[in-house]
């Protein structure tokens, strides 16, 4: 029913989600700051060949782009923005051969 590449993307998202939230002991609470600063991925895209994927990872407001290549799909950080400057990353697009990834940093003022 699902393609092999879709299954790979799903596995990557699940691995990120599971590792993003550490286990809590019963009776422990967490703060609103902890909830709001939880890291999360977004904007998953795949190269036309399906051998490479990229996504934006937001960790405490610091947005960076990660790429993973088959067959093992081990994540590799390709941007290294160090601060929460409020600038979104988006429109991730691979070239037709899948070797080049382009993206937009920032947004249109006063849409």
PDB file of N, CA and C in Angstrom:
ATOM      1  N   UNK A   1       0.819  -1.186   0.000  1.00  0.00           N
ATOM      2  CA  UNK A   1       0.000   0.000   0.000  1.00  0.00           C
ATOM      3  C   UNK A   1       0.870   1.258   0.000  1.00  0.00           C
ATOM      4  N   UNK A   2       1.863   1.338   0.909  1.00  0.00           N
ATOM      5  CA  UNK A   2       2.744   2.495   0.949  1.00  0.00           C
ATOM      6  C   UNK A   2       4.005   2.184   0.170  1.00  0.00           C
ATOM      7  N   UNK A   3       4.578   3.209  -0.459  1.00  0.00           N
ATOM      8  CA  UNK A   3       5.823   3.001  -1.179  1.00  0.00           C
ATOM      9  C   UNK A   3       6.980   2.878  -0.189  1.00  0.00           C
ATOM     10  N   UNK A   4       8.066   2.350  -0.675  1.00  0.00           N
ATOM     11  CA  UNK A   4       9.239   2.152   0.173  1.00  0.00           C
ATOM     12  C   UNK A   4       9.793   3.490   0.657  1.00  0.00           C
ATOM     13  N   UNK A   5       9.819   4.493  -0.228  1.00  0.00           N
ATOM     14  CA  UNK A   5      10.361   5.791   0.169  1.00  0.00           C
ATOM     15  C   UNK A   5       9.460   6.478   1.200  1.00  0.00           C
ATOM     16  N   UNK A   6       8.139   6.338   1.067  1.00  0.00           N
ATOM     17  CA  UNK A   6       7.234   6.921   2.060  1.00  0.00           C
ATOM     18  C   UNK A   6       7.477   6.286   3.416  1.00  0.00           C
ATOM     19  N   UNK A   7       7.682   4.982   3.430  1.00  0.00           N
ATOM     20  CA  UNK A   7       7.959   4.287   4.689  1.00  0.00           C
ATOM     21  C   UNK A   7       9.247   4.791   5.319  1.00  0.00           C
ATOM     22  N   UNK A   8      10.250   5.082   4.496  1.00  0.00           N
ATOM     23  CA  UNK A   8      11.519   5.616   5.014  1.00  0.00           C
ATOM     24  C   UNK A   8      11.308   6.970   5.657  1.00  0.00           C
ATOM     25  N   UNK A   9      10.515   7.839   5.028  1.00  0.00           N
ATOM     26  CA  UNK A   9      10.244   9.166   5.577  1.00  0.00           C
ATOM     27  C   UNK A   9       9.493   9.045   6.901  1.00  0.00           C
ATOM     28  N   UNK A  10       8.548   8.129   6.946  1.00  0.00           N
ATOM     29  CA  UNK A  10       7.771   7.933   8.165  1.00  0.00           C
ATOM     30  C   UNK A  10       8.670   7.473   9.306  1.00  0.00           C
ATOM     31  N   UNK A  11       9.599   6.587   9.017  1.00  0.00           N
ATOM     32  CA  UNK A  11      10.531   6.091  10.034  1.00  0.00           C
ATOM     33  C   UNK A  11      11.400   7.237  10.559  1.00  0.00           C
ATOM     34  N   UNK A  12      11.871   8.113   9.665  1.00  0.00           N
ATOM     35  CA  UNK A  12      12.697   9.242  10.087  1.00  0.00           C
ATOM     36  C   UNK A  12      11.914  10.144  11.027  1.00  0.00           C
ATOM     37  N   UNK A  13      10.667  10.492  10.654  1.00  0.00           N
ATOM     38  CA  UNK A  13       9.853  11.349  11.517  1.00  0.00           C
ATOM     39  C   UNK A  13       9.588  10.696  12.863  1.00  0.00           C
ATOM     40  N   UNK A  14       9.314   9.400  12.881  1.00  0.00           N
ATOM     41  CA  UNK A  14       9.054   8.720  14.146  1.00  0.00           C
ATOM     42  C   UNK A  14      10.295   8.691  15.031  1.00  0.00           C
ATOM     43  N   UNK A  15      11.459   8.462  14.431  1.00  0.00           N
ATOM     44  CA  UNK A  15      12.696   8.456  15.216  1.00  0.00           C
ATOM     45  C   UNK A  15      12.963   9.823  15.833  1.00  0.00           C
ATOM     46  N   UNK A  16      12.746  10.877  15.060  1.00  0.00           N
ATOM     47  CA  UNK A  16      12.942  12.221  15.591  1.00  0.00           C
ATOM     48  C   UNK A  16      11.955  12.500  16.717  1.00  0.00           C
ATOM     49  N   UNK A  17      10.697  12.106  16.531  1.00  0.00           N
ATOM     50  CA  UNK A  17       9.670  12.362  17.545  1.00  0.00           C
ATOM     51  C   UNK A  17       9.971  11.605  18.834  1.00  0.00           C
ATOM     52  N   UNK A  18      10.406  10.358  18.728  1.00  0.00           N
ATOM     53  CA  UNK A  18      10.678   9.550  19.914  1.00  0.00           C
ATOM     54  C   UNK A  18      11.871  10.098  20.684  1.00  0.00           C
ATOM     55  N   UNK A  19      12.918  10.537  19.982  1.00  0.00           N
ATOM     56  CA  UNK A  19      14.110  11.035  20.662  1.00  0.00           C
ATOM     57  C   UNK A  19      13.942  12.460  21.162  1.00  0.00           C
ATOM     58  N   UNK A  20      12.956  13.173  20.668  1.00  0.00           N
ATOM     59  CA  UNK A  20      12.765  14.568  21.081  1.00  0.00           C
ATOM     60  C   UNK A  20      12.184  14.687  22.482  1.00  0.00           C
ATOM     61  N   UNK A  21      11.453  13.687  22.930  1.00  0.00           N
ATOM     62  CA  UNK A  21      10.799  13.758  24.225  1.00  0.00           C
ATOM     63  C   UNK A  21      11.353  12.686  25.157  1.00  0.00           C
ATOM     64  N   UNK A  22      12.206  13.080  26.124  1.00  0.00           N
ATOM     65  CA  UNK A  22      12.757  12.081  27.045  1.00  0.00           C
ATOM     66  C   UNK A  22      11.671  11.510  27.950  1.00  0.00           C
ATOM     67  N   UNK A  23      11.908  10.300  28.403  1.00  0.00           N
ATOM     68  CA  UNK A  23      10.932   9.627  29.283  1.00  0.00           C
ATOM     69  C   UNK A  23      10.833  10.353  30.619  1.00  0.00           C
ATOM     70  N   UNK A  24       9.652  10.386  31.190  1.00  0.00           N
ATOM     71  CA  UNK A  24       9.402  11.019  32.493  1.00  0.00           C
ATOM     72  C   UNK A  24       9.010   9.946  33.502  1.00  0.00           C
ATOM     73  N   UNK A  25       9.459  10.143  34.724  1.00  0.00           N
ATOM     74  CA  UNK A  25       9.052   9.246  35.793  1.00  0.00           C
ATOM     75  C   UNK A  25       7.660   9.636  36.264  1.00  0.00           C
ATOM     76  N   UNK A  26       6.874   8.686  36.762  1.00  0.00           N
ATOM     77  CA  UNK A  26       5.543   9.017  37.265  1.00  0.00           C
ATOM     78  C   UNK A  26       5.628  10.079  38.365  1.00  0.00           C
ATOM     79  N   UNK A  27       4.724  11.036  38.335  1.00  0.00           N
ATOM     80  CA  UNK A  27       4.695  12.079  39.339  1.00  0.00           C
ATOM     81  C   UNK A  27       5.519  13.304  38.988  1.00  0.00           C
ATOM     82  N   UNK A  28       6.380  13.208  37.975  1.00  0.00           N
ATOM     83  CA  UNK A  28       7.153  14.370  37.563  1.00  0.00           C
ATOM     84  C   UNK A  28       6.293  15.227  36.642  1.00  0.00           C
ATOM     85  N   UNK A  29       6.412  16.525  36.796  1.00  0.00           N
ATOM     86  CA  UNK A  29       5.677  17.427  35.915  1.00  0.00           C
ATOM     87  C   UNK A  29       6.667  18.136  35.002  1.00  0.00           C
ATOM     88  N   UNK A  30       6.149  18.797  34.010  1.00  0.00           N
ATOM     89  CA  UNK A  30       7.001  19.572  33.132  1.00  0.00           C
ATOM     90  C   UNK A  30       6.413  20.966  32.992  1.00  0.00           C
ATOM     91  N   UNK A  31       7.274  21.904  32.626  1.00  0.00           N
ATOM     92  CA  UNK A  31       6.875  23.308  32.581  1.00  0.00           C
ATOM     93  C   UNK A  31       6.386  23.688  31.194  1.00  0.00           C
ATOM     94  N   UNK A  32       5.703  24.816  31.125  1.00  0.00           N
ATOM     95  CA  UNK A  32       5.251  25.339  29.842  1.00  0.00           C
ATOM     96  C   UNK A  32       6.453  25.647  28.958  1.00  0.00           C
ATOM     97  N   UNK A  33       7.527  26.146  29.555  1.00  0.00           N
ATOM     98  CA  UNK A  33       8.747  26.432  28.786  1.00  0.00           C
ATOM     99  C   UNK A  33       9.293  25.164  28.139  1.00  0.00           C
ATOM    100  N   UNK A  34       9.268  24.042  28.859  1.00  0.00           N
ATOM    101  CA  UNK A  34       9.732  22.781  28.295  1.00  0.00           C
ATOM    102  C   UNK A  34       8.852  22.347  27.121  1.00  0.00           C
ATOM    103  N   UNK A  35       7.559  22.527  27.263  1.00  0.00           N
ATOM    104  CA  UNK A  35       6.643  22.150  26.184  1.00  0.00           C
ATOM    105  C   UNK A  35       6.876  23.026  24.957  1.00  0.00           C
ATOM    106  N   UNK A  36       6.984  24.331  25.169  1.00  0.00           N
ATOM    107  CA  UNK A  36       7.138  25.261  24.053  1.00  0.00           C
ATOM    108  C   UNK A  36       8.505  25.167  23.384  1.00  0.00           C
ATOM    109  N   UNK A  37       9.516  24.659  24.086  1.00  0.00           N
ATOM    110  CA  UNK A  37      10.856  24.581  23.513  1.00  0.00           C
ATOM    111  C   UNK A  37      11.181  23.186  22.971  1.00  0.00           C
ATOM    112  N   UNK A  38      10.215  22.291  22.943  1.00  0.00           N
ATOM    113  CA  UNK A  38      10.464  20.943  22.422  1.00  0.00           C
ATOM    114  C   UNK A  38      10.841  21.009  20.945  1.00  0.00           C
ATOM    115  N   UNK A  39      11.895  20.325  20.548  1.00  0.00           N
ATOM    116  CA  UNK A  39      12.304  20.352  19.146  1.00  0.00           C
ATOM    117  C   UNK A  39      11.304  19.606  18.270  1.00  0.00           C
ATOM    118  N   UNK A  40      11.175  20.066  17.017  1.00  0.00           N
ATOM    119  CA  UNK A  40      10.270  19.375  16.096  1.00  0.00           C
ATOM    120  C   UNK A  40      10.711  19.577  14.650  1.00  0.00           C
ATOM    121  N   UNK A  41      10.483  18.565  13.816  1.00  0.00           N
ATOM    122  CA  UNK A  41      10.797  18.667  12.382  1.00  0.00           C
ATOM    123  C   UNK A  41       9.584  19.174  11.615  1.00  0.00           C
ATOM    124  N   UNK A  42       9.838  19.751  10.443  1.00  0.00           N
ATOM    125  CA  UNK A  42       8.764  20.166   9.545  1.00  0.00           C
ATOM    126  C   UNK A  42       9.302  20.241   8.125  1.00  0.00           C
ATOM    127  N   UNK A  43       8.392  20.322   7.185  1.00  0.00           N
ATOM    128  CA  UNK A  43       8.760  20.560   5.793  1.00  0.00           C
ATOM    129  C   UNK A  43       9.560  19.461   5.131  1.00  0.00           C
ATOM    130  N   UNK A  44       9.256  18.211   5.411  1.00  0.00           N
ATOM    131  CA  UNK A  44       9.987  17.093   4.813  1.00  0.00           C
ATOM    132  C   UNK A  44       9.787  17.072   3.301  1.00  0.00           C
ATOM    133  N   UNK A  45      10.884  17.016   2.548  1.00  0.00           N
ATOM    134  CA  UNK A  45      10.832  16.892   1.095  1.00  0.00           C
ATOM    135  C   UNK A  45      11.778  15.783   0.659  1.00  0.00           C
ATOM    136  N   UNK A  46      11.498  15.210  -0.488  1.00  0.00           N
ATOM    137  CA  UNK A  46      12.335  14.139  -1.030  1.00  0.00           C
ATOM    138  C   UNK A  46      12.860  14.530  -2.404  1.00  0.00           C
ATOM    139  N   UNK A  47      14.059  14.082  -2.698  1.00  0.00           N
ATOM    140  CA  UNK A  47      14.620  14.276  -4.032  1.00  0.00           C
ATOM    141  C   UNK A  47      13.809  13.435  -5.014  1.00  0.00           C
ATOM    142  N   UNK A  48      13.759  13.828  -6.284  1.00  0.00           N
ATOM    143  CA  UNK A  48      12.985  13.059  -7.267  1.00  0.00           C
ATOM    144  C   UNK A  48      13.354  11.577  -7.320  1.00  0.00           C
ATOM    145  N   UNK A  49      14.618  11.252  -7.051  1.00  0.00           N
ATOM    146  CA  UNK A  49      15.039   9.848  -7.086  1.00  0.00           C
ATOM    147  C   UNK A  49      14.624   9.088  -5.833  1.00  0.00           C
ATOM    148  N   UNK A  50      14.287   9.816  -4.747  1.00  0.00           N
ATOM    149  CA  UNK A  50      13.914   9.173  -3.493  1.00  0.00           C
ATOM    150  C   UNK A  50      15.094   8.736  -2.655  1.00  0.00           C
ATOM    151  N   UNK A  51      16.301   9.039  -3.108  1.00  0.00           N
ATOM    152  CA  UNK A  51      17.503   8.613  -2.374  1.00  0.00           C
ATOM    153  C   UNK A  51      17.984   9.657  -1.374  1.00  0.00           C
ATOM    154  N   UNK A  52      17.312  10.795  -1.305  1.00  0.00           N
ATOM    155  CA  UNK A  52      17.738  11.862  -0.395  1.00  0.00           C
ATOM    156  C   UNK A  52      16.492  12.583   0.102  1.00  0.00           C
ATOM    157  N   UNK A  53      16.478  12.914   1.393  1.00  0.00           N
ATOM    158  CA  UNK A  53      15.381  13.689   1.981  1.00  0.00           C
ATOM    159  C   UNK A  53      15.974  14.856   2.753  1.00  0.00           C
ATOM    160  N   UNK A  54      15.168  15.908   2.926  1.00  0.00           N
ATOM    161  CA  UNK A  54      15.593  17.076   3.693  1.00  0.00           C
ATOM    162  C   UNK A  54      14.413  17.580   4.496  1.00  0.00           C
ATOM    163  N   UNK A  55      14.704  18.235   5.626  1.00  0.00           N
ATOM    164  CA  UNK A  55      13.652  18.792   6.458  1.00  0.00           C
ATOM    165  C   UNK A  55      14.229  19.922   7.301  1.00  0.00           C
ATOM    166  N   UNK A  56      13.329  20.738   7.836  1.00  0.00           N
ATOM    167  CA  UNK A  56      13.701  21.810   8.763  1.00  0.00           C
ATOM    168  C   UNK A  56      13.509  21.269  10.168  1.00  0.00           C
ATOM    169  N   UNK A  57      14.488  21.505  11.040  1.00  0.00           N
ATOM    170  CA  UNK A  57      14.390  21.068  12.417  1.00  0.00           C
ATOM    171  C   UNK A  57      14.465  22.303  13.295  1.00  0.00           C
ATOM    172  N   UNK A  58      13.447  22.514  14.118  1.00  0.00           N
ATOM    173  CA  UNK A  58      13.373  23.672  15.003  1.00  0.00           C
ATOM    174  C   UNK A  58      13.657  23.204  16.426  1.00  0.00           C
ATOM    175  N   UNK A  59      14.744  23.702  16.990  1.00  0.00           N
ATOM    176  CA  UNK A  59      15.125  23.358  18.358  1.00  0.00           C
ATOM    177  C   UNK A  59      15.268  24.652  19.142  1.00  0.00           C
ATOM    178  N   UNK A  60      14.304  24.915  20.028  1.00  0.00           N
ATOM    179  CA  UNK A  60      14.269  26.128  20.839  1.00  0.00           C
ATOM    180  C   UNK A  60      14.325  27.385  19.970  1.00  0.00           C
ATOM    181  N   UNK A  61      13.650  27.339  18.822  1.00  0.00           N
ATOM    182  CA  UNK A  61      13.587  28.484  17.934  1.00  0.00           C
ATOM    183  C   UNK A  61      14.718  28.571  16.934  1.00  0.00           C
ATOM    184  N   UNK A  62      15.763  27.773  17.119  1.00  0.00           N
ATOM    185  CA  UNK A  62      16.868  27.757  16.161  1.00  0.00           C
ATOM    186  C   UNK A  62      16.504  26.794  15.046  1.00  0.00           C
ATOM    187  N   UNK A  63      16.276  27.337  13.865  1.00  0.00           N
ATOM    188  CA  UNK A  63      15.857  26.518  12.727  1.00  0.00           C
ATOM    189  C   UNK A  63      17.074  26.178  11.871  1.00  0.00           C
ATOM    190  N   UNK A  64      17.218  24.906  11.546  1.00  0.00           N
ATOM    191  CA  UNK A  64      18.294  24.440  10.684  1.00  0.00           C
ATOM    192  C   UNK A  64      17.776  23.352   9.765  1.00  0.00           C
ATOM    193  N   UNK A  65      18.489  23.156   8.670  1.00  0.00           N
ATOM    194  CA  UNK A  65      18.097  22.157   7.678  1.00  0.00           C
ATOM    195  C   UNK A  65      18.983  20.935   7.828  1.00  0.00           C
ATOM    196  N   UNK A  66      18.342  19.781   7.759  1.00  0.00           N
ATOM    197  CA  UNK A  66      19.036  18.496   7.810  1.00  0.00           C
ATOM    198  C   UNK A  66      18.755  17.731   6.530  1.00  0.00           C
ATOM    199  N   UNK A  67      19.721  16.913   6.115  1.00  0.00           N
ATOM    200  CA  UNK A  67      19.591  16.061   4.931  1.00  0.00           C
ATOM    201  C   UNK A  67      19.973  14.646   5.338  1.00  0.00           C
ATOM    202  N   UNK A  68      19.292  13.674   4.761  1.00  0.00           N
ATOM    203  CA  UNK A  68      19.641  12.268   4.971  1.00  0.00           C
ATOM    204  C   UNK A  68      19.638  11.573   3.618  1.00  0.00           C
ATOM    205  N   UNK A  69      20.636  10.722   3.416  1.00  0.00           N
ATOM    206  CA  UNK A  69      20.787  10.018   2.144  1.00  0.00           C
ATOM    207  C   UNK A  69      20.669   8.519   2.369  1.00  0.00           C
ATOM    208  N   UNK A  70      20.045   7.850   1.390  1.00  0.00           N
ATOM    209  CA  UNK A  70      19.895   6.408   1.460  1.00  0.00           C
ATOM    210  C   UNK A  70      21.212   5.714   1.211  1.00  0.00           C
ATOM    211  N   UNK A  71      21.345   4.482   1.596  1.00  0.00           N
ATOM    212  CA  UNK A  71      20.272   3.617   2.088  1.00  0.00           C
ATOM    213  C   UNK A  71      20.051   3.711   3.591  1.00  0.00           C
ATOM    214  N   UNK A  72      20.987   4.318   4.353  1.00  0.00           N
ATOM    215  CA  UNK A  72      20.824   4.318   5.809  1.00  0.00           C
ATOM    216  C   UNK A  72      20.080   5.543   6.343  1.00  0.00           C
ATOM    217  N   UNK A  73      19.972   6.613   5.549  1.00  0.00           N
ATOM    218  CA  UNK A  73      19.245   7.834   5.925  1.00  0.00           C
ATOM    219  C   UNK A  73      19.696   8.386   7.278  1.00  0.00           C
ATOM    220  N   UNK A  74      21.015   8.494   7.450  1.00  0.00           N
ATOM    221  CA  UNK A  74      21.582   9.098   8.661  1.00  0.00           C
ATOM    222  C   UNK A  74      21.531  10.624   8.514  1.00  0.00           C
ATOM    223  N   UNK A  75      20.899  11.354   9.454  1.00  0.00           N
ATOM    224  CA  UNK A  75      20.751  12.810   9.334  1.00  0.00           C
ATOM    225  C   UNK A  75      22.099  13.545   9.385  1.00  0.00           C
ATOM    226  N   UNK A  76      22.185  14.597   8.560  1.00  0.00           N
ATOM    227  CA  UNK A  76      23.373  15.448   8.531  1.00  0.00           C
ATOM    228  C   UNK A  76      22.902  16.902   8.484  1.00  0.00           C
ATOM    229  N   UNK A  77      23.373  17.719   9.411  1.00  0.00           N
ATOM    230  CA  UNK A  77      22.984  19.124   9.468  1.00  0.00           C
ATOM    231  C   UNK A  77      23.733  19.893   8.385  1.00  0.00           C
ATOM    232  N   UNK A  78      22.984  20.683   7.565  1.00  0.00           N
ATOM    233  CA  UNK A  78      23.625  21.426   6.482  1.00  0.00           C
ATOM    234  C   UNK A  78      23.633  22.934   6.704  1.00  0.00           C
ATOM    235  N   UNK A  79      22.808  23.440   7.602  1.00  0.00           N
ATOM    236  CA  UNK A  79      22.893  24.847   7.988  1.00  0.00           C
ATOM    237  C   UNK A  79      23.229  24.891   9.476  1.00  0.00           C
ATOM    238  N   UNK A  80      23.807  25.989   9.898  1.00  0.00           N
ATOM    239  CA  UNK A  80      24.251  26.087  11.292  1.00  0.00           C
ATOM    240  C   UNK A  80      23.870  27.437  11.897  1.00  0.00           C
ATOM    241  N   UNK A  81      22.592  27.753  11.869  1.00  0.00           N
ATOM    242  CA  UNK A  81      22.110  28.980  12.490  1.00  0.00           C
ATOM    243  C   UNK A  81      22.096  28.765  14.003  1.00  0.00           C
ATOM    244  N   UNK A  82      22.679  29.708  14.758  1.00  0.00           N
ATOM    245  CA  UNK A  82      22.917  29.519  16.183  1.00  0.00           C
ATOM    246  C   UNK A  82      21.932  30.218  17.103  1.00  0.00           C
ATOM    247  N   UNK A  83      21.044  31.079  16.556  1.00  0.00           N
ATOM    248  CA  UNK A  83      20.153  31.819  17.441  1.00  0.00           C
ATOM    249  C   UNK A  83      18.717  31.777  16.958  1.00  0.00           C
ATOM    250  N   UNK A  84      17.815  32.054  17.881  1.00  0.00           N
ATOM    251  CA  UNK A  84      16.395  32.149  17.564  1.00  0.00           C
ATOM    252  C   UNK A  84      16.139  33.563  17.066  1.00  0.00           C
ATOM    253  N   UNK A  85      16.238  33.757  15.748  1.00  0.00           N
ATOM    254  CA  UNK A  85      16.068  35.087  15.179  1.00  0.00           C
ATOM    255  C   UNK A  85      14.689  35.266  14.528  1.00  0.00           C
ATOM    256  N   UNK A  86      13.833  34.250  14.649  1.00  0.00           N
ATOM    257  CA  UNK A  86      12.483  34.343  14.127  1.00  0.00           C
ATOM    258  C   UNK A  86      12.378  34.186  12.620  1.00  0.00           C
ATOM    259  N   UNK A  87      13.480  33.917  11.953  1.00  0.00           N
ATOM    260  CA  UNK A  87      13.458  33.777  10.503  1.00  0.00           C
ATOM    261  C   UNK A  87      13.063  32.351  10.113  1.00  0.00           C
ATOM    262  N   UNK A  88      11.953  32.197   9.393  1.00  0.00           N
ATOM    263  CA  UNK A  88      11.549  30.856   8.977  1.00  0.00           C
ATOM    264  C   UNK A  88      12.441  30.328   7.856  1.00  0.00           C
ATOM    265  N   UNK A  89      12.532  29.031   7.768  1.00  0.00           N
ATOM    266  CA  UNK A  89      13.188  28.356   6.647  1.00  0.00           C
ATOM    267  C   UNK A  89      12.104  27.586   5.920  1.00  0.00           C
ATOM    268  N   UNK A  90      12.072  27.670   4.621  1.00  0.00           N
ATOM    269  CA  UNK A  90      11.013  26.970   3.900  1.00  0.00           C
ATOM    270  C   UNK A  90      11.317  26.814   2.428  1.00  0.00           C
ATOM    271  N   UNK A  91      10.318  26.338   1.710  1.00  0.00           N
ATOM    272  CA  UNK A  91      10.402  26.104   0.262  1.00  0.00           C
ATOM    273  C   UNK A  91      11.591  25.234  -0.111  1.00  0.00           C
ATOM    274  N   UNK A  92      11.868  24.214   0.696  1.00  0.00           N
ATOM    275  CA  UNK A  92      12.960  23.300   0.387  1.00  0.00           C
ATOM    276  C   UNK A  92      12.640  22.592  -0.927  1.00  0.00           C
ATOM    277  N   UNK A  93      13.591  22.624  -1.860  1.00  0.00           N
ATOM    278  CA  UNK A  93      13.393  22.030  -3.172  1.00  0.00           C
ATOM    279  C   UNK A  93      14.700  21.417  -3.652  1.00  0.00           C
ATOM    280  N   UNK A  94      14.638  20.183  -4.103  1.00  0.00           N
ATOM    281  CA  UNK A  94      15.802  19.526  -4.691  1.00  0.00           C
ATOM    282  C   UNK A  94      15.843  19.798  -6.184  1.00  0.00           C
ATOM    283  N   UNK A  95      17.048  19.842  -6.735  1.00  0.00           N
ATOM    284  CA  UNK A  95      17.212  19.936  -8.186  1.00  0.00           C
ATOM    285  C   UNK A  95      16.734  18.622  -8.804  1.00  0.00           C
ATOM    286  N   UNK A  96      16.449  18.601 -10.113  1.00  0.00           N
ATOM    287  CA  UNK A  96      15.964  17.364 -10.738  1.00  0.00           C
ATOM    288  C   UNK A  96      16.879  16.151 -10.532  1.00  0.00           C
ATOM    289  N   UNK A  97      18.195  16.382 -10.450  1.00  0.00           N
ATOM    290  CA  UNK A  97      19.093  15.246 -10.221  1.00  0.00           C
ATOM    291  C   UNK A  97      19.268  14.923  -8.741  1.00  0.00           C
ATOM    292  N   UNK A  98      18.684  15.743  -7.841  1.00  0.00           N
ATOM    293  CA  UNK A  98      18.725  15.481  -6.409  1.00  0.00           C
ATOM    294  C   UNK A  98      20.016  15.855  -5.724  1.00  0.00           C
ATOM    295  N   UNK A  99      20.946  16.505  -6.438  1.00  0.00           N
ATOM    296  CA  UNK A  99      22.243  16.828  -5.852  1.00  0.00           C
ATOM    297  C   UNK A  99      22.281  18.190  -5.179  1.00  0.00           C
ATOM    298  N   UNK A 100      21.362  19.068  -5.539  1.00  0.00           N
ATOM    299  CA  UNK A 100      21.349  20.420  -4.989  1.00  0.00           C
ATOM    300  C   UNK A 100      20.034  20.658  -4.264  1.00  0.00           C
ATOM    301  N   UNK A 101      20.128  21.259  -3.083  1.00  0.00           N
ATOM    302  CA  UNK A 101      18.953  21.624  -2.290  1.00  0.00           C
ATOM    303  C   UNK A 101      18.943  23.138  -2.157  1.00  0.00           C
ATOM    304  N   UNK A 102      17.821  23.760  -2.493  1.00  0.00           N
ATOM    305  CA  UNK A 102      17.677  25.201  -2.306  1.00  0.00           C
ATOM    306  C   UNK A 102      16.560  25.440  -1.300  1.00  0.00           C
ATOM    307  N   UNK A 103      16.623  26.603  -0.624  1.00  0.00           N
ATOM    308  CA  UNK A 103      15.604  26.940   0.363  1.00  0.00           C
ATOM    309  C   UNK A 103      15.505  28.447   0.482  1.00  0.00           C
ATOM    310  N   UNK A 104      14.460  28.894   1.142  1.00  0.00           N
ATOM    311  CA  UNK A 104      14.246  30.318   1.393  1.00  0.00           C
ATOM    312  C   UNK A 104      14.375  30.549   2.891  1.00  0.00           C
ATOM    313  N   UNK A 105      15.150  31.564   3.249  1.00  0.00           N
ATOM    314  CA  UNK A 105      15.263  31.966   4.658  1.00  0.00           C
ATOM    315  C   UNK A 105      14.636  33.336   4.804  1.00  0.00           C
ATOM    316  N   UNK A 106      13.677  33.444   5.713  1.00  0.00           N
ATOM    317  CA  UNK A 106      12.973  34.701   5.909  1.00  0.00           C
ATOM    318  C   UNK A 106      11.615  34.621   5.234  1.00  0.00           C
ATOM    319  N   UNK A 107      10.870  35.692   5.361  1.00  0.00           N
ATOM    320  CA  UNK A 107       9.537  35.719   4.778  1.00  0.00           C
ATOM    321  C   UNK A 107       9.271  37.069   4.156  1.00  0.00           C
ATOM    322  N   UNK A 108       8.180  37.161   3.477  1.00  0.00           N
ATOM    323  CA  UNK A 108       7.784  38.423   2.849  1.00  0.00           C
ATOM    324  C   UNK A 108       7.320  39.398   3.920  1.00  0.00           C
ATOM    325  N   UNK A 109       7.836  40.640   3.895  1.00  0.00           N
ATOM    326  CA  UNK A 109       7.385  41.625   4.889  1.00  0.00           C
ATOM    327  C   UNK A 109       5.954  42.072   4.603  1.00  0.00           C
ATOM    328  N   UNK A 110       5.169  42.200   5.665  1.00  0.00           N
ATOM    329  CA  UNK A 110       3.811  42.740   5.555  1.00  0.00           C
ATOM    330  C   UNK A 110       2.970  42.089   4.470  1.00  0.00           C
ATOM    331  N   UNK A 111       2.855  40.803   4.510  1.00  0.00           N
ATOM    332  CA  UNK A 111       2.085  40.097   3.473  1.00  0.00           C
ATOM    333  C   UNK A 111       0.799  40.783   3.272  1.00  0.00           C
TER     334      UNK A 111
END
